[in-house]
Amino acid sequence: MSGRQTYTITALAGPNLAGRRRPKGPTIELTPAEAEYELRAGTIVAADQPLPAPTVAPAVQLTDTITLTRNGAPREVLVSDFVALLRAELGSAEPPEPSVGLDLSAPLSTDNLPVS
């Protein structure tokens, strides 16, 4: 195993590493050339380095789209526009600026939501 180094497998790793099946244990022995891509992808770290802290993406972001269904017809709507509609309908604080042509000066209803 000359020239091989030990790397710790991270939570980002899939079933294959460096072109072969992932080993059952928490580490893998690779040459620097074999490890290069996996290091950049974050699927392994050098054995003497700490594992990266797991990152959790927010469940929903304002730039995500959601599908609303009315009378059986689906409509794709940005979350930011849906939040603006809810705030306006519920009479709460000033709604955020919409990201696409949602006219907040007109009475709001699901009929005038932008459709993608």
Protein backbone atom coordinates (compact mmCIF):
# COMPACT_ATOMS: atom_id res chain seq x y z
CA MET A 1 0.00 0.00 0.00
CA SER A 2 2.91 2.30 -0.70
CA GLY A 3 1.91 5.92 -1.36
CA ARG A 4 -1.56 5.46 0.08
CA GLN A 5 -3.00 7.63 2.80
CA THR A 6 -5.91 7.14 5.15
CA TYR A 7 -8.97 9.36 4.69
CA THR A 8 -12.12 9.62 6.78
CA ILE A 9 -15.37 9.20 4.88
CA THR A 10 -17.89 12.04 5.39
CA ALA A 11 -21.69 12.00 5.38
CA LEU A 12 -21.65 13.36 1.80
CA ALA A 13 -20.21 10.13 0.41
CA GLY A 14 -22.39 7.88 -1.67
CA PRO A 15 -22.07 4.14 -2.26
CA ASN A 16 -18.95 4.60 -4.45
CA LEU A 17 -15.69 6.40 -3.70
CA ALA A 18 -12.78 6.90 -6.09
CA GLY A 19 -14.39 4.62 -8.66
CA ARG A 20 -15.02 1.65 -6.38
CA ARG A 21 -17.51 0.44 -3.78
CA ARG A 22 -17.39 2.33 -0.52
CA PRO A 23 -15.76 0.34 2.29
CA LYS A 24 -17.84 -0.64 5.32
CA GLY A 25 -15.62 1.17 7.83
CA PRO A 26 -15.26 4.91 8.47
CA THR A 27 -11.97 5.22 6.55
CA ILE A 28 -10.55 4.48 3.12
CA GLU A 29 -6.96 4.10 1.86
CA LEU A 30 -6.29 6.09 -1.35
CA THR A 31 -3.38 7.44 -3.33
CA PRO A 32 -3.22 11.25 -3.62
CA ALA A 33 -4.41 10.99 -7.24
CA GLU A 34 -7.38 8.81 -6.25
CA ALA A 35 -8.28 11.15 -3.39
CA GLU A 36 -8.06 14.43 -5.35
CA TYR A 37 -11.65 14.50 -6.66
CA GLU A 38 -13.17 13.10 -3.47
CA LEU A 39 -11.41 15.75 -1.36
CA ARG A 40 -12.80 18.54 -3.57
CA ALA A 41 -16.27 16.98 -3.41
CA GLY A 42 -16.11 16.83 0.39
CA THR A 43 -16.79 13.10 0.51
CA ILE A 44 -13.52 12.44 2.37
CA VAL A 45 -11.14 14.39 4.59
CA ALA A 46 -7.57 13.61 5.62
CA ALA A 47 -7.60 11.30 8.64
CA ASP A 48 -5.89 13.93 10.80
CA GLN A 49 -8.53 16.58 9.96
CA PRO A 50 -11.85 17.00 11.80
CA LEU A 51 -15.03 16.08 9.98
CA PRO A 52 -16.91 19.11 8.65
CA ALA A 53 -19.97 20.19 10.61
CA PRO A 54 -23.12 18.97 8.89
CA THR A 55 -25.07 21.69 7.15
CA VAL A 56 -28.83 21.60 6.95
CA ALA A 57 -30.51 23.61 4.25
CA PRO A 58 -33.66 25.47 5.27
CA ALA A 59 -36.83 23.55 4.49
CA VAL A 60 -38.22 26.37 2.34
CA GLN A 61 -36.62 29.48 0.88
CA LEU A 62 -38.32 32.55 -0.59
CA THR A 63 -36.93 31.69 -4.03
CA ASP A 64 -38.45 28.18 -4.04
CA THR A 65 -41.60 27.46 -6.01
CA ILE A 66 -44.65 25.71 -4.68
CA THR A 67 -47.54 24.22 -6.60
CA LEU A 68 -51.00 25.46 -5.70
CA THR A 69 -54.04 23.74 -7.11
CA ARG A 70 -57.31 25.54 -7.75
CA ASN A 71 -60.23 23.91 -9.56
CA GLY A 72 -57.89 21.05 -10.47
CA ALA A 73 -55.40 23.30 -12.27
CA PRO A 74 -51.88 23.43 -10.81
CA ARG A 75 -50.10 26.79 -10.59
CA GLU A 76 -46.40 27.27 -9.87
CA VAL A 77 -45.91 30.18 -7.45
CA LEU A 78 -42.81 31.58 -5.78
CA VAL A 79 -42.88 31.24 -2.00
CA SER A 80 -42.15 34.97 -1.68
CA ASP A 81 -45.29 35.77 -3.71
CA PHE A 82 -47.37 33.36 -1.64
CA VAL A 83 -46.10 34.99 1.57
CA ALA A 84 -47.01 38.41 0.15
CA LEU A 85 -50.52 37.17 -0.63
CA LEU A 86 -50.99 35.71 2.84
CA ARG A 87 -49.74 38.87 4.54
CA ALA A 88 -52.04 41.03 2.45
CA GLU A 89 -55.05 38.74 2.97
CA LEU A 90 -54.45 38.48 6.71
CA GLY A 91 -53.82 42.21 7.06
CA SER A 92 -50.45 41.81 8.79
CA ALA A 93 -47.31 43.86 8.35
CA GLU A 94 -46.19 45.27 5.02
CA PRO A 95 -45.71 42.41 2.54
CA PRO A 96 -42.24 41.88 1.07
CA GLU A 97 -41.44 43.07 -2.43
CA PRO A 98 -42.63 40.41 -4.84
CA SER A 99 -40.04 38.80 -7.09
CA VAL A 100 -42.31 38.66 -10.15
CA GLY A 101 -45.25 40.72 -11.40
CA LEU A 102 -47.60 40.45 -8.44
CA ASP A 103 -49.58 43.69 -8.30
CA LEU A 104 -50.03 44.47 -4.61
CA SER A 105 -52.07 47.60 -5.34
CA ALA A 106 -54.99 45.51 -6.63
CA PRO A 107 -57.12 43.30 -4.39
CA LEU A 108 -55.29 40.03 -4.05
CA SER A 109 -56.76 36.64 -4.69
CA THR A 110 -55.51 33.37 -6.06
CA ASP A 111 -56.91 34.45 -9.45
CA ASN A 112 -54.19 37.06 -9.97
CA LEU A 113 -51.19 35.05 -8.79
CA PRO A 114 -48.47 34.79 -11.44
CA VAL A 115 -48.48 31.52 -13.32
CA SER A 116 -45.24 30.07 -14.70
